[in-house]
């Protein structure tokens, strides 16, 4: 029996088509989010970018994964998505290739992330766009559902606690 790869070592494809892992972003805190451009929660891009600007130099990387599984709210191609993120929200954090987060064809990274429970003790499928997974330096994960905004004190305190001063 072989061990499953550590969460930080699970490969995925970036927007340029290159293989990446969460480890490629260093050993700090990584905030993984499934994003969409045509969702009522899309303004969370602004708060995600603010987190990246505030904590990036200390070791936080926000990592976005476009996903079109929720009412077709991310229908565009990668060039369109990247342009939208940059021009509308000033996104500087990595936006990776479009993926599936639920179902039998879910990306391996999300298959692993979904095993983690949220604050209510619930694991399982991603509920909607902008579900957040805070991957801590030790590889543990804290899960926040879409209605929890990126600037929620529970998220910012967790980031603060696990980054160097």
Protein backbone atom coordinates (compact mmCIF):
# COMPACT_ATOMS: atom_id res chain seq x y z
CA UNK A 1 0.00 0.00 0.00
CA UNK A 2 1.38 3.41 -0.96
CA UNK A 3 0.75 6.52 1.05
CA UNK A 4 -1.28 9.28 -0.58
CA UNK A 5 0.79 12.36 -1.39
CA UNK A 6 0.84 15.10 1.21
CA UNK A 7 -1.71 17.81 0.49
CA UNK A 8 1.00 20.32 -0.45
CA UNK A 9 2.42 17.85 -3.01
CA UNK A 10 -0.76 17.08 -4.98
CA UNK A 11 -0.26 18.36 -8.54
CA UNK A 12 -2.61 20.67 -10.39
CA UNK A 13 -2.32 22.79 -13.53
CA UNK A 14 -1.76 26.54 -13.44
CA UNK A 15 -3.28 29.01 -15.90
CA UNK A 16 -0.28 28.59 -18.25
CA UNK A 17 -0.71 24.80 -18.39
CA UNK A 18 2.27 24.07 -16.14
CA UNK A 19 2.18 21.57 -13.27
CA UNK A 20 2.18 23.13 -9.81
CA UNK A 21 1.61 22.10 -6.20
CA UNK A 22 0.74 24.13 -3.13
CA UNK A 23 4.37 23.59 -2.09
CA UNK A 24 5.39 25.67 -5.14
CA UNK A 25 4.07 28.69 -3.23
CA UNK A 26 6.42 28.15 -0.30
CA UNK A 27 5.84 26.81 3.18
CA UNK A 28 3.61 29.59 4.52
CA UNK A 29 -0.17 29.72 4.71
CA UNK A 30 -2.10 28.99 1.49
CA UNK A 31 -5.72 30.07 1.11
CA UNK A 32 -7.34 27.88 -1.56
CA UNK A 33 -10.60 29.17 -3.04
CA UNK A 34 -12.86 28.00 -5.87
CA UNK A 35 -13.80 31.19 -7.71
CA UNK A 36 -16.36 32.33 -10.28
CA UNK A 37 -16.83 35.58 -12.19
CA UNK A 38 -20.62 35.65 -12.43
CA UNK A 39 -21.68 34.83 -8.87
CA UNK A 40 -23.31 36.92 -6.16
CA UNK A 41 -20.20 36.19 -4.07
CA UNK A 42 -17.78 37.41 -6.77
CA UNK A 43 -17.06 40.63 -4.81
CA UNK A 44 -15.10 38.39 -2.43
CA UNK A 45 -12.30 38.73 -4.99
CA UNK A 46 -11.69 42.19 -3.50
CA UNK A 47 -11.24 40.84 0.03
CA UNK A 48 -9.08 37.96 -1.23
CA UNK A 49 -6.80 40.45 -2.99
CA UNK A 50 -6.64 42.56 0.16
CA UNK A 51 -5.52 39.51 2.15
CA UNK A 52 -2.84 38.80 -0.46
CA UNK A 53 -1.59 42.40 -0.32
CA UNK A 54 -1.68 42.53 3.49
CA UNK A 55 -0.07 39.18 4.28
CA UNK A 56 1.75 38.15 1.10
CA UNK A 57 5.15 39.39 2.22
CA UNK A 58 4.78 37.40 5.44
CA UNK A 59 4.08 34.14 3.61
CA UNK A 60 0.38 34.00 2.66
CA UNK A 61 -0.56 32.96 -0.86
CA UNK A 62 -4.17 33.12 -2.00
CA UNK A 63 -4.70 30.53 -4.75
CA UNK A 64 -7.80 30.70 -6.94
CA UNK A 65 -9.33 27.83 -8.91
CA UNK A 66 -12.06 28.85 -11.38
CA UNK A 67 -14.95 26.41 -11.36
CA UNK A 68 -18.08 26.31 -13.51
CA UNK A 69 -19.97 23.65 -11.53
CA UNK A 70 -22.35 26.00 -9.73
CA UNK A 71 -25.08 27.24 -12.10
CA UNK A 72 -22.53 27.90 -14.86
CA UNK A 73 -21.15 30.97 -13.10
CA UNK A 74 -17.63 30.64 -14.56
CA UNK A 75 -18.31 29.98 -18.27
CA UNK A 76 -15.33 31.78 -19.82
CA UNK A 77 -12.02 30.48 -21.04
CA UNK A 78 -8.81 31.08 -19.09
CA UNK A 79 -7.81 34.25 -20.99
CA UNK A 80 -11.22 35.78 -20.28
CA UNK A 81 -11.09 34.74 -16.61
CA UNK A 82 -7.58 36.11 -16.08
CA UNK A 83 -8.45 39.38 -17.81
CA UNK A 84 -11.61 39.78 -15.72
CA UNK A 85 -9.75 39.10 -12.47
CA UNK A 86 -6.97 41.56 -13.30
CA UNK A 87 -9.05 44.41 -14.71
CA UNK A 88 -12.10 44.20 -12.43
CA UNK A 89 -10.51 43.22 -9.11
CA UNK A 90 -6.78 43.91 -9.54
CA UNK A 91 -6.04 40.29 -8.67
CA UNK A 92 -2.33 39.65 -8.17
CA UNK A 93 -2.62 36.19 -6.60
CA UNK A 94 -2.37 33.04 -8.75
CA UNK A 95 -5.45 31.97 -10.66
CA UNK A 96 -5.01 28.40 -11.84
CA UNK A 97 -6.62 26.35 -14.57
CA UNK A 98 -10.38 25.81 -14.40
CA UNK A 99 -11.27 22.66 -12.47
CA UNK A 100 -14.11 20.59 -11.08
CA UNK A 101 -14.39 20.57 -7.29
CA UNK A 102 -17.19 18.02 -6.83
CA UNK A 103 -18.16 14.71 -8.36
CA UNK A 104 -16.18 11.81 -9.75
CA UNK A 105 -14.06 14.13 -11.91
CA UNK A 106 -13.10 16.50 -9.11
CA UNK A 107 -9.49 17.65 -9.12
CA UNK A 108 -7.28 15.51 -6.84
CA UNK A 109 -6.44 18.55 -4.69
CA UNK A 110 -10.13 19.14 -4.02
CA UNK A 111 -10.78 15.47 -3.35
CA UNK A 112 -8.25 15.79 -0.52
CA UNK A 113 -9.42 19.22 0.69
CA UNK A 114 -13.06 18.09 0.97
CA UNK A 115 -12.13 15.52 3.61
CA UNK A 116 -11.66 18.43 6.03
CA UNK A 117 -14.53 19.55 8.20
CA UNK A 118 -15.88 23.07 8.53
CA UNK A 119 -16.68 24.85 11.80
CA UNK A 120 -19.87 22.81 12.16
CA UNK A 121 -18.00 19.53 11.78
CA UNK A 122 -19.18 18.89 8.23
CA UNK A 123 -16.89 17.53 5.51
CA UNK A 124 -17.91 16.54 1.99
CA UNK A 125 -18.81 18.42 -1.18
CA UNK A 126 -17.98 22.05 -1.79
CA UNK A 127 -21.22 23.94 -1.20
CA UNK A 128 -20.81 26.78 -3.71
CA UNK A 129 -18.36 29.21 -5.24
CA UNK A 130 -15.85 30.87 -2.89
CA UNK A 131 -15.51 28.06 -0.39
CA UNK A 132 -12.22 28.60 1.44
CA UNK A 133 -9.58 26.16 2.66
CA UNK A 134 -6.77 27.61 4.77
CA UNK A 135 -3.80 25.26 4.46
CA UNK A 136 -1.45 25.85 7.38
CA UNK A 137 2.34 25.36 7.28
CA UNK A 138 2.04 21.99 9.05
CA UNK A 139 -0.37 20.75 6.34
CA UNK A 140 -3.49 20.93 8.46
CA UNK A 141 -6.56 22.59 6.94
CA UNK A 142 -9.31 24.84 8.24
CA UNK A 143 -12.44 25.00 6.07
CA UNK A 144 -14.76 27.97 5.68
CA UNK A 145 -17.99 27.85 3.71
CA UNK A 146 -18.79 30.39 0.97
CA UNK A 147 -20.83 32.73 3.19
CA UNK A 148 -17.77 33.35 5.41
CA UNK A 149 -16.01 36.32 3.83
CA UNK A 150 -12.24 36.26 3.33
CA UNK A 151 -11.82 39.12 5.82
CA UNK A 152 -13.82 37.35 8.54
CA UNK A 153 -11.96 37.60 11.87
CA UNK A 154 -11.80 33.79 12.11
CA UNK A 155 -9.81 33.67 8.86
CA UNK A 156 -7.58 36.68 9.52
CA UNK A 157 -6.77 35.50 13.06
CA UNK A 158 -5.84 32.06 11.72
CA UNK A 159 -3.56 33.63 9.09
CA UNK A 160 -1.98 35.96 11.67
CA UNK A 161 -1.37 33.08 14.08
CA UNK A 162 0.49 30.97 11.52
CA UNK A 163 2.64 33.55 9.76
CA UNK A 164 5.93 34.99 11.04
CA UNK A 165 5.72 38.50 12.44
